[in-house]
């Protein structure tokens, strides 16, 4: 698992990685700016500053134990100009050190792709989120030009020595599958965005030459972007506000009460 994480971080130093990283950072900045609360957490991928435009007073970056090796190698690389944000705590996404319903926002930039049990990690996110709390997920789309090239290289690896185009993180989680997982955990998907439609080329020069493809892809084949970005809100069904006891009690039904007429010594008294 450690080699997979190192491969992912190294891949973000490549031209396609920087291209995807810039798109995801713009999506993060736009999505979290208007999410309010008190406590926010980013799980993994310090290269993406998922909370920099959010205004919650308490923010943390949590990294898994396997990420420690990749951070060490990044800091020892003299040619790297990237200064990753300092981690506030070390925590695995499958076992978060937070009480139930304690966080208002959780950001998962490629966290589920690197998790040993992504469904369990998503369950942990549901546990620590407050009702109406939000989770933000960024991932690689297997149904894209980049994903198809990755699949082709994997199928031909027995006969060719062509390296993989995308990081070797096992199976990517598609949007449809992610929606099903979220629905099972009582999440409601608010936003889904796709991006990065340029062909699967490796050089920055060729990626720049294909920049005209992005607006066309966003308009004509939006679900085939190389990356996807998703925002979901935790819904708690069956919740209702409690009313005061005097409101919940039965209302008395007004009824007419018959009044007996008084009678005098010579019979009933005439009405007044």
C-alpha atoms as a PDB file:
ATOM      1  CA  UNK A   1       0.000   0.000   0.000  1.00  0.00           C
ATOM      2  CA  UNK A   2       2.890   2.372   0.648  1.00  0.00           C
ATOM      3  CA  UNK A   3       4.133   2.063  -2.952  1.00  0.00           C
ATOM      4  CA  UNK A   4       0.667   3.012  -4.225  1.00  0.00           C
ATOM      5  CA  UNK A   5       0.657   6.228  -2.184  1.00  0.00           C
ATOM      6  CA  UNK A   6       4.173   7.128  -3.335  1.00  0.00           C
ATOM      7  CA  UNK A   7       3.153   6.519  -6.942  1.00  0.00           C
ATOM      8  CA  UNK A   8       0.178   8.847  -6.565  1.00  0.00           C
ATOM      9  CA  UNK A   9       2.255  11.671  -5.068  1.00  0.00           C
ATOM     10  CA  UNK A  10       4.933  11.245  -7.713  1.00  0.00           C
ATOM     11  CA  UNK A  11       2.293  11.276 -10.434  1.00  0.00           C
ATOM     12  CA  UNK A  12       1.038  14.673  -9.255  1.00  0.00           C
ATOM     13  CA  UNK A  13       4.501  16.030 -10.100  1.00  0.00           C
ATOM     14  CA  UNK A  14       3.943  15.086 -13.755  1.00  0.00           C
ATOM     15  CA  UNK A  15       2.304  17.369 -16.328  1.00  0.00           C
ATOM     16  CA  UNK A  16      -1.055  15.492 -16.311  1.00  0.00           C
ATOM     17  CA  UNK A  17      -0.966  15.429 -12.506  1.00  0.00           C
ATOM     18  CA  UNK A  18      -0.448  19.179 -12.242  1.00  0.00           C
ATOM     19  CA  UNK A  19      -3.224  19.745 -14.788  1.00  0.00           C
ATOM     20  CA  UNK A  20      -5.685  17.646 -12.744  1.00  0.00           C
ATOM     21  CA  UNK A  21      -4.463  19.165  -9.471  1.00  0.00           C
ATOM     22  CA  UNK A  22      -5.172  22.706 -10.674  1.00  0.00           C
ATOM     23  CA  UNK A  23      -8.724  21.767 -11.708  1.00  0.00           C
ATOM     24  CA  UNK A  24      -9.438  20.022  -8.401  1.00  0.00           C
ATOM     25  CA  UNK A  25      -8.062  22.946  -6.382  1.00  0.00           C
ATOM     26  CA  UNK A  26     -10.370  25.353  -8.219  1.00  0.00           C
ATOM     27  CA  UNK A  27     -13.355  23.060  -7.522  1.00  0.00           C
ATOM     28  CA  UNK A  28     -12.430  22.821  -3.839  1.00  0.00           C
ATOM     29  CA  UNK A  29     -12.056  26.578  -3.452  1.00  0.00           C
ATOM     30  CA  UNK A  30     -15.458  27.177  -5.009  1.00  0.00           C
ATOM     31  CA  UNK A  31     -17.325  24.423  -3.115  1.00  0.00           C
ATOM     32  CA  UNK A  32     -16.137  24.876   0.484  1.00  0.00           C
ATOM     33  CA  UNK A  33     -16.245  28.686   0.592  1.00  0.00           C
ATOM     34  CA  UNK A  34     -19.951  28.752   1.487  1.00  0.00           C
ATOM     35  CA  UNK A  35     -20.077  25.711   3.790  1.00  0.00           C
ATOM     36  CA  UNK A  36     -20.536  26.946   7.346  1.00  0.00           C
ATOM     37  CA  UNK A  37     -19.954  25.367  10.736  1.00  0.00           C
ATOM     38  CA  UNK A  38     -17.221  25.063  13.353  1.00  0.00           C
ATOM     39  CA  UNK A  39     -15.100  21.964  12.622  1.00  0.00           C
ATOM     40  CA  UNK A  40     -13.640  20.858   9.276  1.00  0.00           C
ATOM     41  CA  UNK A  41     -11.269  17.998   8.418  1.00  0.00           C
ATOM     42  CA  UNK A  42      -9.242  17.126   5.324  1.00  0.00           C
ATOM     43  CA  UNK A  43      -8.175  13.493   5.030  1.00  0.00           C
ATOM     44  CA  UNK A  44      -5.013  12.970   3.003  1.00  0.00           C
ATOM     45  CA  UNK A  45      -3.398  14.599  -0.037  1.00  0.00           C
ATOM     46  CA  UNK A  46      -1.724  17.722   1.433  1.00  0.00           C
ATOM     47  CA  UNK A  47      -0.900  18.939  -2.092  1.00  0.00           C
ATOM     48  CA  UNK A  48      -4.547  20.001  -2.339  1.00  0.00           C
ATOM     49  CA  UNK A  49      -5.481  22.736   0.128  1.00  0.00           C
ATOM     50  CA  UNK A  50      -9.083  21.686   0.419  1.00  0.00           C
ATOM     51  CA  UNK A  51      -9.974  24.067   3.255  1.00  0.00           C
ATOM     52  CA  UNK A  52      -8.112  27.244   2.326  1.00  0.00           C
ATOM     53  CA  UNK A  53     -11.266  29.201   1.325  1.00  0.00           C
ATOM     54  CA  UNK A  54     -13.420  27.809   4.134  1.00  0.00           C
ATOM     55  CA  UNK A  55     -14.081  30.032   7.159  1.00  0.00           C
ATOM     56  CA  UNK A  56     -14.645  27.476   9.905  1.00  0.00           C
ATOM     57  CA  UNK A  57     -12.603  28.345  13.021  1.00  0.00           C
ATOM     58  CA  UNK A  58     -11.285  24.815  13.605  1.00  0.00           C
ATOM     59  CA  UNK A  59      -9.588  23.033  10.673  1.00  0.00           C
ATOM     60  CA  UNK A  60      -7.339  19.971  10.594  1.00  0.00           C
ATOM     61  CA  UNK A  61      -5.319  18.024   8.039  1.00  0.00           C
ATOM     62  CA  UNK A  62      -5.101  14.297   8.871  1.00  0.00           C
ATOM     63  CA  UNK A  63      -2.687  11.914   7.153  1.00  0.00           C
ATOM     64  CA  UNK A  64      -2.456   8.148   7.431  1.00  0.00           C
ATOM     65  CA  UNK A  65       0.596   6.333   8.712  1.00  0.00           C
ATOM     66  CA  UNK A  66       1.443   5.150   5.200  1.00  0.00           C
ATOM     67  CA  UNK A  67       1.685   8.761   4.043  1.00  0.00           C
ATOM     68  CA  UNK A  68       4.598   9.368   6.413  1.00  0.00           C
ATOM     69  CA  UNK A  69       7.043   7.735   3.997  1.00  0.00           C
ATOM     70  CA  UNK A  70       5.912   9.808   1.037  1.00  0.00           C
ATOM     71  CA  UNK A  71       6.154  13.009   3.087  1.00  0.00           C
ATOM     72  CA  UNK A  72       9.715  12.101   4.079  1.00  0.00           C
ATOM     73  CA  UNK A  73      10.722  11.544   0.460  1.00  0.00           C
ATOM     74  CA  UNK A  74       9.091  14.805  -0.633  1.00  0.00           C
ATOM     75  CA  UNK A  75      10.987  16.807   1.997  1.00  0.00           C
ATOM     76  CA  UNK A  76      14.281  15.155   1.009  1.00  0.00           C
ATOM     77  CA  UNK A  77      13.780  16.028  -2.681  1.00  0.00           C
ATOM     78  CA  UNK A  78      15.853  19.157  -3.204  1.00  0.00           C
ATOM     79  CA  UNK A  79      14.279  19.893  -6.576  1.00  0.00           C
ATOM     80  CA  UNK A  80      10.731  19.990  -5.245  1.00  0.00           C
ATOM     81  CA  UNK A  81       9.267  23.482  -4.979  1.00  0.00           C
ATOM     82  CA  UNK A  82       6.076  22.336  -3.281  1.00  0.00           C
ATOM     83  CA  UNK A  83       5.739  22.964   0.440  1.00  0.00           C
ATOM     84  CA  UNK A  84       2.946  20.709   1.720  1.00  0.00           C
ATOM     85  CA  UNK A  85       0.778  21.850   4.569  1.00  0.00           C
ATOM     86  CA  UNK A  86       1.740  20.532   8.005  1.00  0.00           C
ATOM     87  CA  UNK A  87      -0.396  17.661   9.265  1.00  0.00           C
ATOM     88  CA  UNK A  88      -2.336  18.251  12.469  1.00  0.00           C
ATOM     89  CA  UNK A  89      -2.678  14.549  13.273  1.00  0.00           C
ATOM     90  CA  UNK A  90      -1.964  11.066  11.963  1.00  0.00           C
ATOM     91  CA  UNK A  91      -5.146   9.055  11.472  1.00  0.00           C
ATOM     92  CA  UNK A  92      -6.394   6.272   9.253  1.00  0.00           C
ATOM     93  CA  UNK A  93      -9.611   7.052   7.318  1.00  0.00           C
ATOM     94  CA  UNK A  94     -11.094   3.737   8.465  1.00  0.00           C
ATOM     95  CA  UNK A  95     -10.784   4.706  12.160  1.00  0.00           C
ATOM     96  CA  UNK A  96     -11.073   8.434  12.794  1.00  0.00           C
ATOM     97  CA  UNK A  97     -10.281   9.750  16.310  1.00  0.00           C
ATOM     98  CA  UNK A  98     -13.372  11.939  16.507  1.00  0.00           C
ATOM     99  CA  UNK A  99     -16.636  11.394  18.435  1.00  0.00           C
ATOM    100  CA  UNK A 100     -19.940  10.821  16.695  1.00  0.00           C
ATOM    101  CA  UNK A 101     -21.538  13.853  15.023  1.00  0.00           C
ATOM    102  CA  UNK A 102     -18.620  16.200  15.773  1.00  0.00           C
ATOM    103  CA  UNK A 103     -17.555  17.543  12.344  1.00  0.00           C
ATOM    104  CA  UNK A 104     -19.359  19.860   9.947  1.00  0.00           C
ATOM    105  CA  UNK A 105     -17.217  19.206   6.863  1.00  0.00           C
ATOM    106  CA  UNK A 106     -14.922  16.387   5.689  1.00  0.00           C
ATOM    107  CA  UNK A 107     -12.818  16.709   2.521  1.00  0.00           C
ATOM    108  CA  UNK A 108     -11.603  13.528   0.775  1.00  0.00           C
ATOM    109  CA  UNK A 109      -9.155  14.322  -2.072  1.00  0.00           C
ATOM    110  CA  UNK A 110      -8.378  10.868  -3.550  1.00  0.00           C
ATOM    111  CA  UNK A 111      -8.610   9.450  -0.034  1.00  0.00           C
ATOM    112  CA  UNK A 112     -11.006   6.623  -0.887  1.00  0.00           C
ATOM    113  CA  UNK A 113      -8.841   5.470  -3.809  1.00  0.00           C
ATOM    114  CA  UNK A 114      -5.927   4.949  -1.413  1.00  0.00           C
ATOM    115  CA  UNK A 115      -7.939   3.394   1.408  1.00  0.00           C
ATOM    116  CA  UNK A 116      -7.632  -0.309   2.164  1.00  0.00           C
ATOM    117  CA  UNK A 117     -11.407  -0.339   2.740  1.00  0.00           C
ATOM    118  CA  UNK A 118     -13.040   2.663   1.017  1.00  0.00           C
ATOM    119  CA  UNK A 119     -16.572   1.714   2.052  1.00  0.00           C
ATOM    120  CA  UNK A 120     -15.515   1.522   5.701  1.00  0.00           C
ATOM    121  CA  UNK A 121     -13.786   4.887   5.366  1.00  0.00           C
ATOM    122  CA  UNK A 122     -17.008   6.374   4.034  1.00  0.00           C
ATOM    123  CA  UNK A 123     -18.893   4.881   6.982  1.00  0.00           C
ATOM    124  CA  UNK A 124     -16.478   6.605   9.340  1.00  0.00           C
ATOM    125  CA  UNK A 125     -17.122   9.906   7.590  1.00  0.00           C
ATOM    126  CA  UNK A 126     -20.864   9.400   8.043  1.00  0.00           C
ATOM    127  CA  UNK A 127     -20.321   8.651  11.733  1.00  0.00           C
ATOM    128  CA  UNK A 128     -18.316  11.777  12.544  1.00  0.00           C
ATOM    129  CA  UNK A 129     -20.442  14.189  10.489  1.00  0.00           C
ATOM    130  CA  UNK A 130     -23.258  16.122  12.135  1.00  0.00           C
ATOM    131  CA  UNK A 131     -26.735  15.948  10.549  1.00  0.00           C
ATOM    132  CA  UNK A 132     -26.688  18.188   7.465  1.00  0.00           C
ATOM    133  CA  UNK A 133     -22.873  18.025   7.464  1.00  0.00           C
ATOM    134  CA  UNK A 134     -21.115  17.742   4.107  1.00  0.00           C
ATOM    135  CA  UNK A 135     -18.491  15.525   2.529  1.00  0.00           C
ATOM    136  CA  UNK A 136     -16.440  16.644  -0.489  1.00  0.00           C
ATOM    137  CA  UNK A 137     -14.881  13.926  -2.666  1.00  0.00           C
ATOM    138  CA  UNK A 138     -12.388  14.193  -5.540  1.00  0.00           C
ATOM    139  CA  UNK A 139     -11.416  11.162  -7.599  1.00  0.00           C
ATOM    140  CA  UNK A 140     -10.211   9.803 -10.931  1.00  0.00           C
ATOM    141  CA  UNK A 141     -12.910   8.809 -13.378  1.00  0.00           C
ATOM    142  CA  UNK A 142     -12.399   5.304 -14.864  1.00  0.00           C
ATOM    143  CA  UNK A 143     -14.837   6.139 -17.707  1.00  0.00           C
ATOM    144  CA  UNK A 144     -12.591   8.677 -19.414  1.00  0.00           C
ATOM    145  CA  UNK A 145      -9.876   8.837 -22.075  1.00  0.00           C
ATOM    146  CA  UNK A 146      -7.298   8.580 -19.305  1.00  0.00           C
ATOM    147  CA  UNK A 147      -9.074   5.625 -17.723  1.00  0.00           C
ATOM    148  CA  UNK A 148      -9.354   3.827 -21.077  1.00  0.00           C
ATOM    149  CA  UNK A 149      -5.634   4.264 -21.694  1.00  0.00           C
ATOM    150  CA  UNK A 150      -4.901   2.895 -18.225  1.00  0.00           C
ATOM    151  CA  UNK A 151      -7.077  -0.134 -18.962  1.00  0.00           C
ATOM    152  CA  UNK A 152      -5.389  -0.742 -22.314  1.00  0.00           C
ATOM    153  CA  UNK A 153      -1.900  -0.604 -20.792  1.00  0.00           C
ATOM    154  CA  UNK A 154      -2.915  -3.034 -18.049  1.00  0.00           C
ATOM    155  CA  UNK A 155      -4.260  -5.511 -20.615  1.00  0.00           C
ATOM    156  CA  UNK A 156      -1.094  -5.297 -22.738  1.00  0.00           C
ATOM    157  CA  UNK A 157       1.474  -5.371 -19.923  1.00  0.00           C
ATOM    158  CA  UNK A 158       2.319  -9.012 -20.665  1.00  0.00           C
ATOM    159  CA  UNK A 159       3.564  -8.125 -24.142  1.00  0.00           C
ATOM    160  CA  UNK A 160       4.707  -4.505 -23.834  1.00  0.00           C
ATOM    161  CA  UNK A 161       6.772  -2.503 -21.376  1.00  0.00           C
ATOM    162  CA  UNK A 162       4.659   0.653 -21.637  1.00  0.00           C
ATOM    163  CA  UNK A 163       4.312   2.329 -18.210  1.00  0.00           C
ATOM    164  CA  UNK A 164       0.929   3.078 -16.706  1.00  0.00           C
ATOM    165  CA  UNK A 165      -0.460   6.510 -17.473  1.00  0.00           C
ATOM    166  CA  UNK A 166      -2.309   6.974 -14.162  1.00  0.00           C
ATOM    167  CA  UNK A 167      -0.980   6.122 -10.680  1.00  0.00           C
ATOM    168  CA  UNK A 168      -1.129   2.462  -9.729  1.00  0.00           C
ATOM    169  CA  UNK A 169      -3.777   2.623  -6.995  1.00  0.00           C
ATOM    170  CA  UNK A 170      -5.746  -0.475  -7.937  1.00  0.00           C
ATOM    171  CA  UNK A 171      -9.366   0.032  -8.908  1.00  0.00           C
ATOM    172  CA  UNK A 172     -10.754   3.520  -9.366  1.00  0.00           C
ATOM    173  CA  UNK A 173     -14.208   4.226  -7.952  1.00  0.00           C
ATOM    174  CA  UNK A 174     -16.651   5.502 -10.569  1.00  0.00           C
ATOM    175  CA  UNK A 175     -19.294   8.144  -9.910  1.00  0.00           C
ATOM    176  CA  UNK A 176     -22.200   5.709 -10.209  1.00  0.00           C
ATOM    177  CA  UNK A 177     -20.675   3.382  -7.649  1.00  0.00           C
ATOM    178  CA  UNK A 178     -19.893   6.300  -5.369  1.00  0.00           C
ATOM    179  CA  UNK A 179     -23.501   7.485  -5.585  1.00  0.00           C
ATOM    180  CA  UNK A 180     -24.735   4.036  -4.524  1.00  0.00           C
ATOM    181  CA  UNK A 181     -22.428   3.969  -1.521  1.00  0.00           C
ATOM    182  CA  UNK A 182     -23.504   7.433  -0.441  1.00  0.00           C
ATOM    183  CA  UNK A 183     -27.181   6.592  -0.851  1.00  0.00           C
ATOM    184  CA  UNK A 184     -26.783   3.520   1.378  1.00  0.00           C
ATOM    185  CA  UNK A 185     -25.298   5.761   4.078  1.00  0.00           C
ATOM    186  CA  UNK A 186     -28.178   8.301   3.870  1.00  0.00           C
ATOM    187  CA  UNK A 187     -26.179  10.912   1.978  1.00  0.00           C
ATOM    188  CA  UNK A 188     -27.820  13.089  -0.630  1.00  0.00           C
ATOM    189  CA  UNK A 189     -25.595  14.148  -3.523  1.00  0.00           C
ATOM    190  CA  UNK A 190     -25.810  17.907  -4.076  1.00  0.00           C
ATOM    191  CA  UNK A 191     -23.160  18.514  -6.745  1.00  0.00           C
ATOM    192  CA  UNK A 192     -21.295  16.396  -9.303  1.00  0.00           C
ATOM    193  CA  UNK A 193     -18.736  17.949 -11.639  1.00  0.00           C
ATOM    194  CA  UNK A 194     -16.403  16.445 -14.232  1.00  0.00           C
ATOM    195  CA  UNK A 195     -13.275  18.031 -15.673  1.00  0.00           C
ATOM    196  CA  UNK A 196      -9.969  17.554 -17.543  1.00  0.00           C
ATOM    197  CA  UNK A 197     -11.005  16.423 -21.032  1.00  0.00           C
ATOM    198  CA  UNK A 198      -7.656  16.695 -22.793  1.00  0.00           C
ATOM    199  CA  UNK A 199      -6.211  13.487 -24.335  1.00  0.00           C
ATOM    200  CA  UNK A 200      -3.937  11.201 -22.359  1.00  0.00           C
ATOM    201  CA  UNK A 201      -0.598  12.733 -23.338  1.00  0.00           C
ATOM    202  CA  UNK A 202       2.385  13.060 -21.026  1.00  0.00           C
ATOM    203  CA  UNK A 203       4.116  16.315 -21.937  1.00  0.00           C
ATOM    204  CA  UNK A 204       3.031  19.740 -20.747  1.00  0.00           C
ATOM    205  CA  UNK A 205       3.508  21.089 -24.274  1.00  0.00           C
ATOM    206  CA  UNK A 206       0.979  18.694 -25.795  1.00  0.00           C
ATOM    207  CA  UNK A 207      -1.469  19.185 -22.945  1.00  0.00           C
ATOM    208  CA  UNK A 208      -1.324  22.916 -23.611  1.00  0.00           C
ATOM    209  CA  UNK A 209      -1.910  22.358 -27.319  1.00  0.00           C
ATOM    210  CA  UNK A 210      -5.095  20.456 -26.512  1.00  0.00           C
ATOM    211  CA  UNK A 211      -6.480  23.147 -24.212  1.00  0.00           C
ATOM    212  CA  UNK A 212      -9.280  23.817 -26.735  1.00  0.00           C
ATOM    213  CA  UNK A 213     -10.728  20.375 -25.916  1.00  0.00           C
ATOM    214  CA  UNK A 214     -11.819  21.341 -22.382  1.00  0.00           C
ATOM    215  CA  UNK A 215     -14.759  23.616 -23.305  1.00  0.00           C
ATOM    216  CA  UNK A 216     -15.923  21.141 -25.958  1.00  0.00           C
ATOM    217  CA  UNK A 217     -15.780  18.209 -23.543  1.00  0.00           C
ATOM    218  CA  UNK A 218     -17.619  20.109 -20.845  1.00  0.00           C
ATOM    219  CA  UNK A 219     -20.421  20.782 -23.309  1.00  0.00           C
ATOM    220  CA  UNK A 220     -20.661  17.616 -25.413  1.00  0.00           C
ATOM    221  CA  UNK A 221     -19.349  14.706 -23.300  1.00  0.00           C
ATOM    222  CA  UNK A 222     -19.340  15.983 -19.690  1.00  0.00           C
ATOM    223  CA  UNK A 223     -19.333  12.590 -17.937  1.00  0.00           C
ATOM    224  CA  UNK A 224     -16.071  11.541 -19.665  1.00  0.00           C
ATOM    225  CA  UNK A 225     -13.790  13.936 -17.784  1.00  0.00           C
ATOM    226  CA  UNK A 226     -10.612  12.468 -16.307  1.00  0.00           C
ATOM    227  CA  UNK A 227     -11.537  13.695 -12.822  1.00  0.00           C
ATOM    228  CA  UNK A 228     -14.764  14.108 -10.907  1.00  0.00           C
ATOM    229  CA  UNK A 229     -15.760  16.248  -7.966  1.00  0.00           C
ATOM    230  CA  UNK A 230     -18.698  15.508  -5.686  1.00  0.00           C
ATOM    231  CA  UNK A 231     -20.421  17.185  -2.728  1.00  0.00           C
ATOM    232  CA  UNK A 232     -22.947  15.278  -0.586  1.00  0.00           C
ATOM    233  CA  UNK A 233     -24.921  16.180   2.532  1.00  0.00           C
ATOM    234  CA  UNK A 234     -25.752  13.837   5.405  1.00  0.00           C
ATOM    235  CA  UNK A 235     -29.494  13.464   5.850  1.00  0.00           C
ATOM    236  CA  UNK A 236     -31.050  12.032   9.018  1.00  0.00           C
ATOM    237  CA  UNK A 237     -34.524  10.799   8.139  1.00  0.00           C
ATOM    238  CA  UNK A 238     -37.322  10.705  10.682  1.00  0.00           C
ATOM    239  CA  UNK A 239     -36.129  13.687  12.705  1.00  0.00           C
ATOM    240  CA  UNK A 240     -38.834  16.050  13.984  1.00  0.00           C
ATOM    241  CA  UNK A 241     -38.907  18.959  16.388  1.00  0.00           C
ATOM    242  CA  UNK A 242     -40.328  18.309  19.837  1.00  0.00           C
ATOM    243  CA  UNK A 243     -43.232  20.515  20.865  1.00  0.00           C
ATOM    244  CA  UNK A 244     -44.109  21.676  24.394  1.00  0.00           C
ATOM    245  CA  UNK A 245     -46.364  19.379  26.389  1.00  0.00           C
ATOM    246  CA  UNK A 246     -49.177  21.910  26.457  1.00  0.00           C
ATOM    247  CA  UNK A 247     -49.223  21.832  22.648  1.00  0.00           C
ATOM    248  CA  UNK A 248     -49.138  18.082  22.291  1.00  0.00           C
ATOM    249  CA  UNK A 249     -52.037  17.494  24.701  1.00  0.00           C
ATOM    250  CA  UNK A 250     -55.557  16.884  23.452  1.00  0.00           C
ATOM    251  CA  UNK A 251     -57.603  19.940  22.840  1.00  0.00           C
ATOM    252  CA  UNK A 252     -60.857  20.086  24.727  1.00  0.00           C
ATOM    253  CA  UNK A 253     -63.881  20.062  22.510  1.00  0.00           C
ATOM    254  CA  UNK A 254     -66.253  22.900  23.244  1.00  0.00           C
ATOM    255  CA  UNK A 255     -69.803  21.645  23.804  1.00  0.00           C
ATOM    256  CA  UNK A 256     -73.050  23.277  24.799  1.00  0.00           C
ATOM    257  CA  UNK A 257     -74.205  22.517  28.306  1.00  0.00           C
ATOM    258  CA  UNK A 258     -77.982  22.387  28.890  1.00  0.00           C
ATOM    259  CA  UNK A 259     -79.195  24.710  31.643  1.00  0.00           C
ATOM    260  CA  UNK A 260     -82.296  23.673  33.679  1.00  0.00           C
ATOM    261  CA  UNK A 261     -84.898  26.361  34.146  1.00  0.00           C
ATOM    262  CA  UNK A 262     -85.890  27.322  37.645  1.00  0.00           C
ATOM    263  CA  UNK A 263     -89.553  26.729  38.526  1.00  0.00           C
ATOM    264  CA  UNK A 264     -91.653  28.871  40.871  1.00  0.00           C
ATOM    265  CA  UNK A 265     -94.504  27.870  43.178  1.00  0.00           C
ATOM    266  CA  UNK A 266     -97.025  28.234  40.333  1.00  0.00           C
ATOM    267  CA  UNK A 267     -95.046  26.478  37.615  1.00  0.00           C
ATOM    268  CA  UNK A 268     -92.027  27.311  35.509  1.00  0.00           C
ATOM    269  CA  UNK A 269     -90.869  30.861  35.380  1.00  0.00           C
ATOM    270  CA  UNK A 270     -91.197  32.593  32.055  1.00  0.00           C
ATOM    271  CA  UNK A 271     -87.962  33.351  30.234  1.00  0.00           C
ATOM    272  CA  UNK A 272     -86.545  36.818  30.657  1.00  0.00           C
END
